[in-house]
N, C-alpha and C. Protein backbone atom coordinates (compact mmCIF):
# COMPACT_ATOMS: atom_id res chain seq x y z
N MET A 1 -9.89 -23.12 23.16
CA MET A 1 -9.25 -23.48 21.89
C MET A 1 -8.22 -24.57 22.11
N SER A 2 -7.39 -24.45 23.14
CA SER A 2 -6.31 -25.40 23.38
C SER A 2 -6.84 -26.79 23.72
N LYS A 3 -8.12 -26.89 24.14
CA LYS A 3 -8.69 -28.18 24.51
C LYS A 3 -9.24 -28.93 23.31
N ARG A 4 -9.32 -28.29 22.15
CA ARG A 4 -9.86 -28.95 20.97
C ARG A 4 -8.88 -30.01 20.49
N LYS A 5 -9.42 -31.14 20.13
CA LYS A 5 -8.59 -32.26 19.71
C LYS A 5 -7.77 -31.91 18.47
N ASN A 6 -6.51 -32.30 18.49
CA ASN A 6 -5.56 -32.16 17.37
C ASN A 6 -5.05 -30.75 17.15
N TRP A 7 -5.50 -29.78 17.94
CA TRP A 7 -5.00 -28.42 17.80
C TRP A 7 -3.91 -28.17 18.83
N LYS A 8 -2.74 -27.75 18.34
CA LYS A 8 -1.58 -27.55 19.21
C LYS A 8 -1.18 -26.08 19.24
N LEU A 9 -0.98 -25.56 20.43
CA LEU A 9 -0.52 -24.18 20.58
C LEU A 9 0.95 -24.09 20.16
N ILE A 10 1.25 -23.19 19.21
CA ILE A 10 2.64 -23.07 18.76
C ILE A 10 3.24 -21.70 19.06
N ASP A 11 2.40 -20.73 19.44
CA ASP A 11 2.94 -19.41 19.76
C ASP A 11 1.94 -18.65 20.62
N ARG A 12 2.46 -17.91 21.58
CA ARG A 12 1.62 -17.03 22.41
C ARG A 12 2.37 -15.72 22.62
N ILE A 13 1.69 -14.62 22.39
CA ILE A 13 2.30 -13.30 22.56
C ILE A 13 2.20 -12.89 24.03
N GLU A 14 3.33 -12.60 24.61
CA GLU A 14 3.38 -12.13 26.00
C GLU A 14 4.17 -10.83 26.02
N ASN A 15 3.47 -9.72 26.01
CA ASN A 15 4.17 -8.43 26.12
C ASN A 15 3.21 -7.37 26.63
N GLY A 16 3.74 -6.35 27.22
CA GLY A 16 2.91 -5.25 27.68
C GLY A 16 2.02 -5.63 28.84
N LYS A 17 1.00 -4.81 29.05
CA LYS A 17 0.09 -5.00 30.17
C LYS A 17 -0.92 -6.11 29.86
N SER A 18 -1.40 -6.73 30.92
CA SER A 18 -2.47 -7.71 30.75
C SER A 18 -3.71 -7.02 30.19
N PRO A 19 -4.49 -7.72 29.38
CA PRO A 19 -5.66 -7.08 28.77
C PRO A 19 -6.71 -6.68 29.81
N ILE A 20 -7.44 -5.61 29.50
CA ILE A 20 -8.57 -5.20 30.33
C ILE A 20 -9.78 -6.03 29.92
N MET A 21 -10.38 -6.70 30.87
CA MET A 21 -11.52 -7.57 30.59
C MET A 21 -12.73 -7.14 31.42
N ARG A 22 -13.89 -7.13 30.80
CA ARG A 22 -15.15 -6.92 31.50
C ARG A 22 -16.16 -7.91 30.95
N LYS A 23 -16.66 -8.78 31.84
CA LYS A 23 -17.61 -9.82 31.44
C LYS A 23 -17.07 -10.63 30.26
N ARG A 24 -15.80 -10.96 30.34
CA ARG A 24 -15.09 -11.79 29.35
C ARG A 24 -14.93 -11.13 27.99
N VAL A 25 -15.21 -9.83 27.92
CA VAL A 25 -15.00 -9.06 26.68
C VAL A 25 -13.79 -8.16 26.87
N ARG A 26 -12.91 -8.16 25.90
CA ARG A 26 -11.69 -7.35 25.99
C ARG A 26 -11.99 -5.89 25.67
N ILE A 27 -11.52 -5.00 26.53
CA ILE A 27 -11.62 -3.56 26.32
C ILE A 27 -10.24 -3.08 25.87
N LEU A 28 -10.17 -2.52 24.70
CA LEU A 28 -8.87 -2.11 24.15
C LEU A 28 -8.43 -0.77 24.72
N ARG A 29 -7.16 -0.67 25.02
CA ARG A 29 -6.56 0.63 25.27
C ARG A 29 -6.37 1.31 23.91
N PRO A 30 -6.30 2.64 23.88
CA PRO A 30 -6.15 3.33 22.59
C PRO A 30 -4.93 2.85 21.80
N GLY A 31 -3.83 2.61 22.49
CA GLY A 31 -2.63 2.14 21.80
C GLY A 31 -2.84 0.77 21.18
N GLU A 32 -3.54 -0.12 21.89
CA GLU A 32 -3.85 -1.44 21.35
C GLU A 32 -4.76 -1.33 20.14
N CYS A 33 -5.71 -0.40 20.22
CA CYS A 33 -6.64 -0.22 19.11
C CYS A 33 -5.90 0.23 17.85
N LYS A 34 -4.96 1.14 18.01
CA LYS A 34 -4.16 1.60 16.87
C LYS A 34 -3.36 0.44 16.28
N GLN A 35 -2.77 -0.39 17.15
CA GLN A 35 -2.02 -1.56 16.67
C GLN A 35 -2.94 -2.48 15.87
N LEU A 36 -4.13 -2.70 16.39
CA LEU A 36 -5.07 -3.61 15.74
C LEU A 36 -5.50 -3.08 14.37
N ILE A 37 -5.82 -1.80 14.30
CA ILE A 37 -6.22 -1.21 13.01
C ILE A 37 -5.09 -1.33 12.00
N ASP A 38 -3.87 -1.07 12.44
CA ASP A 38 -2.71 -1.17 11.54
C ASP A 38 -2.52 -2.60 11.03
N ALA A 39 -2.96 -3.59 11.82
CA ALA A 39 -2.75 -4.99 11.45
C ALA A 39 -3.85 -5.53 10.53
N ILE A 40 -4.93 -4.78 10.37
CA ILE A 40 -6.02 -5.23 9.49
C ILE A 40 -5.55 -5.06 8.04
N PRO A 41 -5.51 -6.13 7.25
CA PRO A 41 -4.83 -6.07 5.96
C PRO A 41 -5.57 -5.35 4.83
N LYS A 42 -6.90 -5.34 4.86
CA LYS A 42 -7.65 -4.79 3.73
C LYS A 42 -8.39 -3.51 4.13
N PRO A 43 -8.39 -2.51 3.25
CA PRO A 43 -9.09 -1.25 3.55
C PRO A 43 -10.57 -1.44 3.89
N GLU A 44 -11.23 -2.38 3.20
CA GLU A 44 -12.66 -2.57 3.47
C GLU A 44 -12.91 -3.11 4.88
N TYR A 45 -11.99 -3.94 5.37
CA TYR A 45 -12.15 -4.44 6.74
C TYR A 45 -11.80 -3.37 7.77
N LYS A 46 -10.87 -2.51 7.42
CA LYS A 46 -10.61 -1.36 8.30
C LYS A 46 -11.86 -0.48 8.40
N ALA A 47 -12.56 -0.32 7.28
CA ALA A 47 -13.78 0.50 7.27
C ALA A 47 -14.85 -0.11 8.16
N LEU A 48 -15.00 -1.43 8.11
CA LEU A 48 -15.98 -2.10 8.96
C LEU A 48 -15.61 -1.94 10.43
N PHE A 49 -14.32 -2.12 10.73
CA PHE A 49 -13.87 -2.01 12.12
C PHE A 49 -14.10 -0.60 12.65
N ARG A 50 -13.74 0.40 11.87
CA ARG A 50 -13.89 1.79 12.32
C ARG A 50 -15.37 2.14 12.54
N ALA A 51 -16.24 1.61 11.69
CA ALA A 51 -17.67 1.87 11.87
C ALA A 51 -18.17 1.25 13.17
N LEU A 52 -17.76 0.03 13.44
CA LEU A 52 -18.15 -0.61 14.70
C LEU A 52 -17.63 0.17 15.90
N LEU A 53 -16.40 0.67 15.78
CA LEU A 53 -15.79 1.40 16.89
C LEU A 53 -16.46 2.75 17.12
N PHE A 54 -16.48 3.59 16.09
CA PHE A 54 -16.91 4.98 16.27
C PHE A 54 -18.41 5.13 16.49
N THR A 55 -19.20 4.15 16.09
CA THR A 55 -20.63 4.23 16.38
C THR A 55 -20.96 3.64 17.75
N GLY A 56 -20.16 2.68 18.20
CA GLY A 56 -20.47 2.01 19.46
C GLY A 56 -21.76 1.21 19.40
N MET A 57 -22.19 0.87 18.20
CA MET A 57 -23.46 0.16 18.04
C MET A 57 -23.29 -1.33 18.24
N ARG A 58 -24.38 -1.99 18.60
CA ARG A 58 -24.37 -3.44 18.68
C ARG A 58 -24.14 -4.00 17.27
N TYR A 59 -23.56 -5.21 17.22
CA TYR A 59 -23.21 -5.79 15.93
C TYR A 59 -24.44 -5.93 15.04
N ILE A 60 -25.54 -6.44 15.60
CA ILE A 60 -26.76 -6.63 14.82
C ILE A 60 -27.31 -5.29 14.33
N GLU A 61 -27.14 -4.25 15.14
CA GLU A 61 -27.61 -2.92 14.74
C GLU A 61 -26.85 -2.42 13.52
N LEU A 62 -25.54 -2.61 13.53
CA LEU A 62 -24.75 -2.13 12.39
C LEU A 62 -25.04 -2.95 11.14
N GLN A 63 -25.27 -4.26 11.32
CA GLN A 63 -25.65 -5.08 10.17
C GLN A 63 -26.94 -4.56 9.53
N ARG A 64 -27.90 -4.21 10.35
CA ARG A 64 -29.18 -3.72 9.82
C ARG A 64 -29.04 -2.31 9.25
N PHE A 65 -28.20 -1.51 9.88
CA PHE A 65 -27.95 -0.16 9.37
C PHE A 65 -27.31 -0.20 8.00
N GLN A 66 -26.45 -1.19 7.75
CA GLN A 66 -25.80 -1.30 6.45
C GLN A 66 -26.82 -1.47 5.33
N LYS A 67 -27.97 -2.03 5.66
CA LYS A 67 -29.04 -2.21 4.67
C LYS A 67 -30.00 -1.02 4.63
N GLN A 68 -29.84 -0.10 5.59
CA GLN A 68 -30.74 1.05 5.69
C GLN A 68 -29.94 2.34 5.85
N PRO A 69 -29.17 2.74 4.85
CA PRO A 69 -28.31 3.92 4.98
C PRO A 69 -29.06 5.22 5.25
N SER A 70 -30.35 5.24 4.96
CA SER A 70 -31.13 6.46 5.19
C SER A 70 -31.26 6.80 6.68
N TRP A 71 -30.90 5.87 7.55
CA TRP A 71 -30.93 6.16 8.98
C TRP A 71 -29.88 7.21 9.36
N PHE A 72 -28.88 7.39 8.53
CA PHE A 72 -27.82 8.37 8.81
C PHE A 72 -28.21 9.71 8.19
N ASP A 73 -28.26 10.76 9.03
CA ASP A 73 -28.68 12.07 8.54
C ASP A 73 -27.51 13.03 8.33
N GLY A 74 -26.29 12.51 8.40
CA GLY A 74 -25.11 13.34 8.24
C GLY A 74 -24.45 13.70 9.55
N GLU A 75 -25.20 13.61 10.66
CA GLU A 75 -24.66 13.90 11.98
C GLU A 75 -24.95 12.79 12.98
N PHE A 76 -26.14 12.22 12.92
CA PHE A 76 -26.56 11.16 13.82
C PHE A 76 -27.03 9.96 13.01
N ILE A 77 -26.98 8.79 13.65
CA ILE A 77 -27.64 7.61 13.10
C ILE A 77 -28.93 7.44 13.91
N ASN A 78 -30.06 7.56 13.25
CA ASN A 78 -31.35 7.51 13.93
C ASN A 78 -31.94 6.11 13.79
N LEU A 79 -31.86 5.36 14.88
CA LEU A 79 -32.25 3.95 14.86
C LEU A 79 -33.72 3.78 15.24
N PRO A 80 -34.50 3.13 14.38
CA PRO A 80 -35.88 2.80 14.75
C PRO A 80 -35.91 1.60 15.68
N LYS A 81 -37.07 1.29 16.21
CA LYS A 81 -37.16 0.19 17.17
C LYS A 81 -36.87 -1.16 16.53
N THR A 82 -36.94 -1.25 15.21
CA THR A 82 -36.69 -2.52 14.52
C THR A 82 -35.21 -2.80 14.33
N SER A 83 -34.34 -1.88 14.76
CA SER A 83 -32.91 -2.01 14.47
C SER A 83 -32.20 -2.97 15.40
N VAL A 84 -32.85 -3.38 16.49
CA VAL A 84 -32.18 -4.22 17.47
C VAL A 84 -33.15 -5.30 17.94
N LEU A 85 -32.58 -6.40 18.43
CA LEU A 85 -33.40 -7.49 18.94
C LEU A 85 -34.27 -7.00 20.10
N LYS A 86 -35.47 -7.52 20.18
CA LYS A 86 -36.43 -7.03 21.16
C LYS A 86 -35.91 -7.12 22.59
N HIS A 87 -35.27 -8.24 22.96
CA HIS A 87 -34.83 -8.41 24.34
C HIS A 87 -33.67 -7.50 24.71
N LYS A 88 -33.03 -6.88 23.71
CA LYS A 88 -31.94 -5.94 23.97
C LYS A 88 -32.44 -4.49 24.03
N ARG A 89 -33.68 -4.27 23.64
CA ARG A 89 -34.17 -2.91 23.46
C ARG A 89 -34.59 -2.28 24.79
N THR A 90 -34.04 -1.12 25.09
CA THR A 90 -34.48 -0.37 26.27
C THR A 90 -35.08 0.98 25.86
N GLN A 91 -34.92 1.35 24.60
CA GLN A 91 -35.53 2.56 24.07
C GLN A 91 -36.25 2.19 22.78
N LEU A 92 -37.39 2.79 22.50
CA LEU A 92 -38.10 2.49 21.26
C LEU A 92 -37.30 2.94 20.06
N GLU A 93 -36.77 4.14 20.12
CA GLU A 93 -35.88 4.65 19.08
C GLU A 93 -34.73 5.36 19.78
N ARG A 94 -33.63 5.52 19.06
CA ARG A 94 -32.54 6.31 19.63
C ARG A 94 -31.69 6.91 18.53
N SER A 95 -30.99 7.98 18.88
CA SER A 95 -30.06 8.62 17.95
C SER A 95 -28.65 8.39 18.45
N VAL A 96 -27.81 7.83 17.59
CA VAL A 96 -26.42 7.54 17.94
C VAL A 96 -25.59 8.78 17.64
N ARG A 97 -24.96 9.30 18.67
CA ARG A 97 -24.15 10.51 18.53
C ARG A 97 -22.79 10.16 17.92
N LEU A 98 -22.31 11.00 17.01
CA LEU A 98 -21.03 10.77 16.34
C LEU A 98 -20.16 12.02 16.42
N ASN A 99 -18.86 11.81 16.53
CA ASN A 99 -17.94 12.94 16.39
C ASN A 99 -17.54 13.04 14.91
N PRO A 100 -16.76 14.04 14.52
CA PRO A 100 -16.40 14.18 13.09
C PRO A 100 -15.75 12.93 12.50
N LEU A 101 -14.86 12.28 13.27
CA LEU A 101 -14.25 11.05 12.77
C LEU A 101 -15.28 9.95 12.62
N GLY A 102 -16.25 9.94 13.53
CA GLY A 102 -17.31 8.95 13.44
C GLY A 102 -18.17 9.14 12.20
N CYS A 103 -18.48 10.39 11.88
CA CYS A 103 -19.24 10.68 10.66
C CYS A 103 -18.48 10.21 9.42
N MET A 104 -17.18 10.45 9.43
CA MET A 104 -16.35 10.02 8.30
C MET A 104 -16.32 8.49 8.21
N ALA A 105 -16.20 7.84 9.37
CA ALA A 105 -16.18 6.37 9.40
C ALA A 105 -17.49 5.80 8.86
N VAL A 106 -18.60 6.42 9.21
CA VAL A 106 -19.91 5.95 8.74
C VAL A 106 -20.04 6.16 7.24
N GLU A 107 -19.59 7.29 6.73
CA GLU A 107 -19.65 7.53 5.29
C GLU A 107 -18.85 6.49 4.52
N HIS A 108 -17.65 6.17 5.01
CA HIS A 108 -16.83 5.14 4.36
C HIS A 108 -17.50 3.77 4.46
N PHE A 109 -18.09 3.50 5.61
CA PHE A 109 -18.79 2.23 5.83
C PHE A 109 -19.93 2.05 4.84
N LEU A 110 -20.70 3.10 4.63
CA LEU A 110 -21.85 3.00 3.73
C LEU A 110 -21.43 2.91 2.27
N GLN A 111 -20.22 3.37 1.96
CA GLN A 111 -19.69 3.24 0.60
C GLN A 111 -19.05 1.88 0.37
N CYS A 112 -18.76 1.18 1.46
CA CYS A 112 -18.05 -0.10 1.38
C CYS A 112 -18.98 -1.18 0.82
N LYS A 113 -18.48 -1.94 -0.12
CA LYS A 113 -19.29 -2.99 -0.74
C LYS A 113 -19.17 -4.32 0.01
N THR A 114 -18.28 -4.37 1.00
CA THR A 114 -18.12 -5.58 1.80
C THR A 114 -19.16 -5.60 2.92
N ILE A 115 -19.91 -6.69 2.99
CA ILE A 115 -20.96 -6.83 3.99
C ILE A 115 -20.36 -7.35 5.29
N LEU A 116 -20.85 -6.84 6.40
CA LEU A 116 -20.42 -7.38 7.69
C LEU A 116 -20.73 -8.87 7.74
N PRO A 117 -19.75 -9.71 8.07
CA PRO A 117 -20.00 -11.15 8.13
C PRO A 117 -20.76 -11.52 9.40
N SER A 118 -20.96 -12.80 9.61
CA SER A 118 -21.56 -13.25 10.87
C SER A 118 -20.66 -12.83 12.03
N TYR A 119 -21.25 -12.69 13.21
CA TYR A 119 -20.43 -12.25 14.33
C TYR A 119 -19.36 -13.28 14.68
N GLN A 120 -19.62 -14.58 14.39
CA GLN A 120 -18.60 -15.60 14.64
C GLN A 120 -17.40 -15.39 13.72
N SER A 121 -17.67 -15.10 12.44
CA SER A 121 -16.58 -14.87 11.49
C SER A 121 -15.81 -13.60 11.85
N TRP A 122 -16.54 -12.57 12.28
CA TRP A 122 -15.86 -11.33 12.66
C TRP A 122 -14.96 -11.55 13.87
N SER A 123 -15.42 -12.32 14.84
CA SER A 123 -14.62 -12.62 16.02
C SER A 123 -13.36 -13.39 15.63
N ALA A 124 -13.50 -14.32 14.68
CA ALA A 124 -12.33 -15.07 14.21
C ALA A 124 -11.35 -14.15 13.50
N ASN A 125 -11.86 -13.21 12.70
CA ASN A 125 -11.00 -12.23 12.04
C ASN A 125 -10.24 -11.40 13.06
N LEU A 126 -10.95 -10.94 14.10
CA LEU A 126 -10.30 -10.13 15.13
C LEU A 126 -9.17 -10.90 15.80
N SER A 127 -9.37 -12.19 16.05
CA SER A 127 -8.33 -13.00 16.67
C SER A 127 -7.08 -13.07 15.79
N CYS A 128 -7.30 -13.24 14.49
CA CYS A 128 -6.18 -13.28 13.55
C CYS A 128 -5.45 -11.94 13.53
N TRP A 129 -6.20 -10.85 13.45
CA TRP A 129 -5.58 -9.52 13.42
C TRP A 129 -4.91 -9.20 14.76
N GLY A 130 -5.50 -9.68 15.85
CA GLY A 130 -4.89 -9.47 17.16
C GLY A 130 -3.53 -10.14 17.25
N TYR A 131 -3.41 -11.31 16.62
CA TYR A 131 -2.11 -12.00 16.58
C TYR A 131 -1.14 -11.23 15.70
N ARG A 132 -1.60 -10.78 14.55
CA ARG A 132 -0.74 -9.98 13.66
C ARG A 132 -0.28 -8.70 14.34
N ALA A 133 -1.16 -8.14 15.19
CA ALA A 133 -0.83 -6.89 15.90
C ALA A 133 0.04 -7.13 17.12
N LYS A 134 0.27 -8.42 17.43
CA LYS A 134 1.07 -8.81 18.60
C LYS A 134 0.47 -8.28 19.91
N LEU A 135 -0.86 -8.38 20.00
CA LEU A 135 -1.52 -8.01 21.25
C LEU A 135 -1.24 -9.07 22.31
N HIS A 136 -1.11 -8.62 23.53
CA HIS A 136 -0.84 -9.53 24.63
C HIS A 136 -1.95 -10.57 24.73
N GLY A 137 -1.56 -11.83 24.85
CA GLY A 137 -2.52 -12.92 24.98
C GLY A 137 -2.95 -13.55 23.67
N ALA A 138 -2.47 -13.04 22.55
CA ALA A 138 -2.83 -13.63 21.26
C ALA A 138 -2.09 -14.96 21.07
N GLU A 139 -2.78 -15.93 20.49
CA GLU A 139 -2.21 -17.27 20.34
C GLU A 139 -2.41 -17.79 18.91
N LYS A 140 -1.48 -18.64 18.51
CA LYS A 140 -1.57 -19.29 17.21
C LYS A 140 -1.57 -20.80 17.43
N TYR A 141 -2.51 -21.49 16.75
CA TYR A 141 -2.64 -22.93 16.86
C TYR A 141 -2.48 -23.57 15.48
N VAL A 142 -2.04 -24.82 15.49
CA VAL A 142 -1.93 -25.57 14.25
C VAL A 142 -2.62 -26.92 14.45
N ASN A 143 -3.31 -27.39 13.42
CA ASN A 143 -3.95 -28.70 13.47
C ASN A 143 -2.93 -29.74 13.03
N VAL A 144 -2.44 -30.51 13.98
CA VAL A 144 -1.36 -31.46 13.71
C VAL A 144 -1.87 -32.72 13.03
N ALA A 145 -3.18 -32.89 12.93
CA ALA A 145 -3.74 -34.11 12.35
C ALA A 145 -3.95 -34.00 10.84
N LYS A 146 -3.84 -32.80 10.31
CA LYS A 146 -4.09 -32.61 8.88
C LYS A 146 -2.80 -32.32 8.13
N LYS A 147 -2.74 -32.81 6.90
CA LYS A 147 -1.51 -32.69 6.12
C LYS A 147 -1.11 -31.25 5.87
N ASN A 148 -2.09 -30.43 5.55
CA ASN A 148 -1.75 -29.03 5.24
C ASN A 148 -1.58 -28.18 6.50
N ARG A 149 -1.79 -28.79 7.67
CA ARG A 149 -1.57 -28.16 8.97
C ARG A 149 -2.17 -26.74 9.02
N PRO A 150 -3.50 -26.65 8.92
CA PRO A 150 -4.15 -25.33 8.96
C PRO A 150 -3.93 -24.65 10.31
N THR A 151 -3.97 -23.35 10.30
CA THR A 151 -3.76 -22.58 11.52
C THR A 151 -5.04 -21.85 11.93
N GLU A 152 -5.18 -21.63 13.21
CA GLU A 152 -6.25 -20.81 13.76
C GLU A 152 -5.65 -19.93 14.85
N TYR A 153 -6.40 -18.89 15.19
CA TYR A 153 -5.88 -17.90 16.14
C TYR A 153 -6.88 -17.66 17.26
N SER A 154 -6.34 -17.23 18.37
CA SER A 154 -7.17 -16.84 19.50
C SER A 154 -6.54 -15.60 20.11
N CYS A 155 -7.36 -14.67 20.56
CA CYS A 155 -6.84 -13.48 21.23
C CYS A 155 -7.78 -13.16 22.38
N GLU A 156 -7.27 -13.32 23.56
CA GLU A 156 -8.07 -13.28 24.78
C GLU A 156 -9.08 -12.13 24.80
N GLY A 157 -10.37 -12.50 24.82
CA GLY A 157 -11.43 -11.52 25.00
C GLY A 157 -11.88 -10.77 23.76
N LEU A 158 -11.14 -10.87 22.65
CA LEU A 158 -11.55 -10.15 21.43
C LEU A 158 -12.78 -10.81 20.83
N SER A 159 -13.81 -10.04 20.57
CA SER A 159 -15.04 -10.58 20.00
C SER A 159 -15.79 -9.47 19.29
N SER A 160 -16.95 -9.82 18.75
CA SER A 160 -17.77 -8.83 18.05
C SER A 160 -18.29 -7.75 18.99
N LYS A 161 -18.18 -7.97 20.30
CA LYS A 161 -18.62 -6.96 21.29
C LYS A 161 -17.51 -5.97 21.65
N THR A 162 -16.28 -6.25 21.24
CA THR A 162 -15.13 -5.47 21.69
C THR A 162 -15.22 -4.00 21.30
N CYS A 163 -15.56 -3.71 20.06
CA CYS A 163 -15.58 -2.30 19.61
C CYS A 163 -16.60 -1.49 20.40
N ARG A 164 -17.80 -2.03 20.55
CA ARG A 164 -18.86 -1.31 21.29
C ARG A 164 -18.44 -1.05 22.73
N LYS A 165 -17.96 -2.09 23.41
CA LYS A 165 -17.59 -1.95 24.82
C LYS A 165 -16.36 -1.07 24.99
N THR A 166 -15.45 -1.11 24.02
CA THR A 166 -14.26 -0.26 24.08
C THR A 166 -14.64 1.21 23.97
N TYR A 167 -15.42 1.55 22.95
CA TYR A 167 -15.75 2.97 22.75
C TYR A 167 -16.62 3.49 23.89
N GLU A 168 -17.51 2.65 24.36
CA GLU A 168 -18.36 3.04 25.49
C GLU A 168 -17.51 3.36 26.71
N SER A 169 -16.52 2.52 26.99
CA SER A 169 -15.67 2.75 28.16
C SER A 169 -14.81 4.00 27.99
N TRP A 170 -14.37 4.28 26.76
CA TRP A 170 -13.60 5.52 26.51
C TRP A 170 -14.47 6.74 26.74
N LEU A 171 -15.70 6.71 26.25
CA LEU A 171 -16.59 7.86 26.43
C LEU A 171 -16.88 8.13 27.90
N VAL A 172 -17.12 7.06 28.65
CA VAL A 172 -17.39 7.21 30.09
C VAL A 172 -16.17 7.79 30.80
N PHE A 173 -14.98 7.34 30.40
CA PHE A 173 -13.74 7.81 31.03
C PHE A 173 -13.41 9.24 30.63
N TYR A 174 -13.60 9.57 29.35
CA TYR A 174 -13.20 10.87 28.82
C TYR A 174 -14.22 11.96 29.12
N TYR A 175 -15.49 11.57 29.18
CA TYR A 175 -16.57 12.54 29.44
C TYR A 175 -17.35 12.13 30.70
N PRO A 176 -16.71 12.14 31.87
CA PRO A 176 -17.38 11.66 33.09
C PRO A 176 -18.60 12.46 33.48
N ASN A 177 -18.70 13.69 33.00
CA ASN A 177 -19.85 14.53 33.35
C ASN A 177 -20.98 14.45 32.33
N ARG A 178 -20.81 13.57 31.34
CA ARG A 178 -21.84 13.46 30.28
C ARG A 178 -22.39 12.03 30.20
N LEU A 179 -22.54 11.40 31.36
CA LEU A 179 -22.98 10.01 31.38
C LEU A 179 -24.38 9.83 30.79
N THR A 180 -25.25 10.80 31.01
CA THR A 180 -26.61 10.69 30.47
C THR A 180 -26.57 10.59 28.95
N GLU A 181 -25.78 11.45 28.32
CA GLU A 181 -25.67 11.43 26.86
C GLU A 181 -25.07 10.12 26.37
N VAL A 182 -24.07 9.61 27.11
CA VAL A 182 -23.46 8.33 26.73
C VAL A 182 -24.49 7.21 26.83
N LEU A 183 -25.22 7.17 27.93
CA LEU A 183 -26.24 6.14 28.13
C LEU A 183 -27.26 6.14 27.00
N LEU A 184 -27.77 7.31 26.66
CA LEU A 184 -28.82 7.39 25.64
C LEU A 184 -28.29 7.02 24.26
N SER A 185 -27.09 7.49 23.94
CA SER A 185 -26.51 7.18 22.63
C SER A 185 -26.24 5.69 22.49
N GLN A 186 -25.84 5.05 23.59
CA GLN A 186 -25.50 3.63 23.56
C GLN A 186 -26.72 2.73 23.69
N GLY A 187 -27.87 3.31 24.03
CA GLY A 187 -29.07 2.50 24.11
C GLY A 187 -29.33 1.91 25.47
N HIS A 188 -28.82 2.56 26.53
CA HIS A 188 -29.08 2.11 27.89
C HIS A 188 -30.12 3.03 28.53
N ASP A 189 -30.82 2.52 29.52
CA ASP A 189 -31.80 3.36 30.20
C ASP A 189 -31.51 3.54 31.68
N HIS A 190 -30.36 3.03 32.14
CA HIS A 190 -30.05 3.15 33.56
C HIS A 190 -28.54 3.12 33.74
N LEU A 191 -28.06 3.84 34.73
CA LEU A 191 -26.63 3.93 35.00
C LEU A 191 -26.02 2.57 35.30
N THR A 192 -26.80 1.65 35.88
CA THR A 192 -26.25 0.33 36.20
C THR A 192 -25.78 -0.41 34.95
N SER A 193 -26.30 0.01 33.79
CA SER A 193 -25.90 -0.64 32.53
C SER A 193 -24.43 -0.40 32.21
N VAL A 194 -23.86 0.70 32.72
CA VAL A 194 -22.46 1.00 32.42
C VAL A 194 -21.61 1.08 33.69
N LYS A 195 -22.14 0.60 34.82
CA LYS A 195 -21.40 0.75 36.07
C LYS A 195 -20.05 0.05 36.03
N HIS A 196 -19.94 -1.05 35.27
CA HIS A 196 -18.67 -1.77 35.20
C HIS A 196 -17.66 -1.07 34.30
N TYR A 197 -18.05 0.07 33.68
CA TYR A 197 -17.10 0.86 32.91
C TYR A 197 -16.63 2.10 33.66
N LEU A 198 -17.11 2.28 34.89
CA LEU A 198 -16.82 3.51 35.62
C LEU A 198 -15.47 3.48 36.34
N ASN A 199 -14.87 2.33 36.46
CA ASN A 199 -13.60 2.22 37.17
C ASN A 199 -12.59 1.45 36.34
N MET A 200 -12.37 1.93 35.13
CA MET A 200 -11.46 1.24 34.22
C MET A 200 -10.02 1.64 34.52
N PRO A 201 -9.07 0.71 34.37
CA PRO A 201 -7.67 1.01 34.67
C PRO A 201 -6.95 1.76 33.56
N PHE A 202 -7.56 2.85 33.08
CA PHE A 202 -6.90 3.72 32.12
C PHE A 202 -6.05 4.73 32.88
N ASN A 203 -4.96 5.18 32.26
CA ASN A 203 -4.10 6.18 32.88
C ASN A 203 -4.11 7.47 32.05
N GLU A 204 -3.30 8.42 32.47
CA GLU A 204 -3.29 9.71 31.78
C GLU A 204 -2.78 9.58 30.35
N HIS A 205 -1.85 8.66 30.13
CA HIS A 205 -1.36 8.42 28.77
C HIS A 205 -2.50 7.91 27.88
N ASP A 206 -3.32 7.02 28.44
CA ASP A 206 -4.49 6.52 27.70
C ASP A 206 -5.44 7.67 27.37
N ARG A 207 -5.64 8.56 28.35
CA ARG A 207 -6.55 9.68 28.13
C ARG A 207 -6.07 10.56 26.96
N ILE A 208 -4.78 10.80 26.92
CA ILE A 208 -4.22 11.61 25.83
C ILE A 208 -4.44 10.92 24.48
N ASP A 209 -4.21 9.60 24.45
CA ASP A 209 -4.39 8.84 23.21
C ASP A 209 -5.87 8.74 22.81
N MET A 210 -6.75 8.72 23.80
CA MET A 210 -8.19 8.64 23.51
C MET A 210 -8.67 9.86 22.73
N LYS A 211 -8.01 10.98 22.95
CA LYS A 211 -8.43 12.22 22.30
C LYS A 211 -8.54 12.06 20.80
N ASP A 212 -7.63 11.27 20.21
CA ASP A 212 -7.65 11.05 18.76
C ASP A 212 -8.94 10.38 18.30
N PHE A 213 -9.59 9.66 19.22
CA PHE A 213 -10.79 8.89 18.86
C PHE A 213 -12.10 9.56 19.29
N VAL A 214 -12.09 10.24 20.42
CA VAL A 214 -13.37 10.70 20.99
C VAL A 214 -13.57 12.22 20.95
N GLU A 215 -12.53 12.97 20.58
CA GLU A 215 -12.67 14.43 20.58
C GLU A 215 -13.81 14.86 19.66
N GLY A 216 -14.61 15.80 20.15
CA GLY A 216 -15.72 16.31 19.35
C GLY A 216 -16.99 15.50 19.45
N TRP A 217 -16.98 14.45 20.30
CA TRP A 217 -18.19 13.63 20.44
C TRP A 217 -19.34 14.46 21.02
N ILE A 218 -18.99 15.36 21.93
CA ILE A 218 -19.97 16.28 22.49
C ILE A 218 -19.23 17.55 22.91
N ASP A 219 -19.89 18.68 22.86
CA ASP A 219 -19.26 19.95 23.22
C ASP A 219 -19.10 20.07 24.73
């Protein structure tokens, strides 16, 4: 962003721990996630964010699910093979496991009249909200070449993949003995698919905070 012509960095948030990154995607700590949700200004966008988080689904999968609400049976989201791009598919069909909060998030999502935007627009929204939430590494830029001096935002690693990778890493950390169930729910067919989530720098405080998000995902 800083290399783009006429865009000048005017603010950068430096506080707290450095962000957790995996393959250039930011993994949120539970506390950061709460900050981010609080910074989302509209209820409908909070509903979209919570659905992405609690389902752990790929962005394209959730976009297609929004058009096919019958995939939700009240407890699971049952995805047919057409729900995801072919090159991403490792299972012909799969059932996405939800905890009680996840079921509630999905119900609100399906009632929401706001359609998930393109993943580029969603990533831009996340960067703006990340700056509002004062997440470490968030930046604000201004275009000095234009009279109205428009602003844009950047937040290290935040993207349309963040919610999926965040929830996946929490499940692996919180339920270390249920990796098979996590793999199947997330649409993976081999442990190597989540090996980079097995050694995350979460601490006991993070584990306590995760409980608010993942409790009840599996007995």
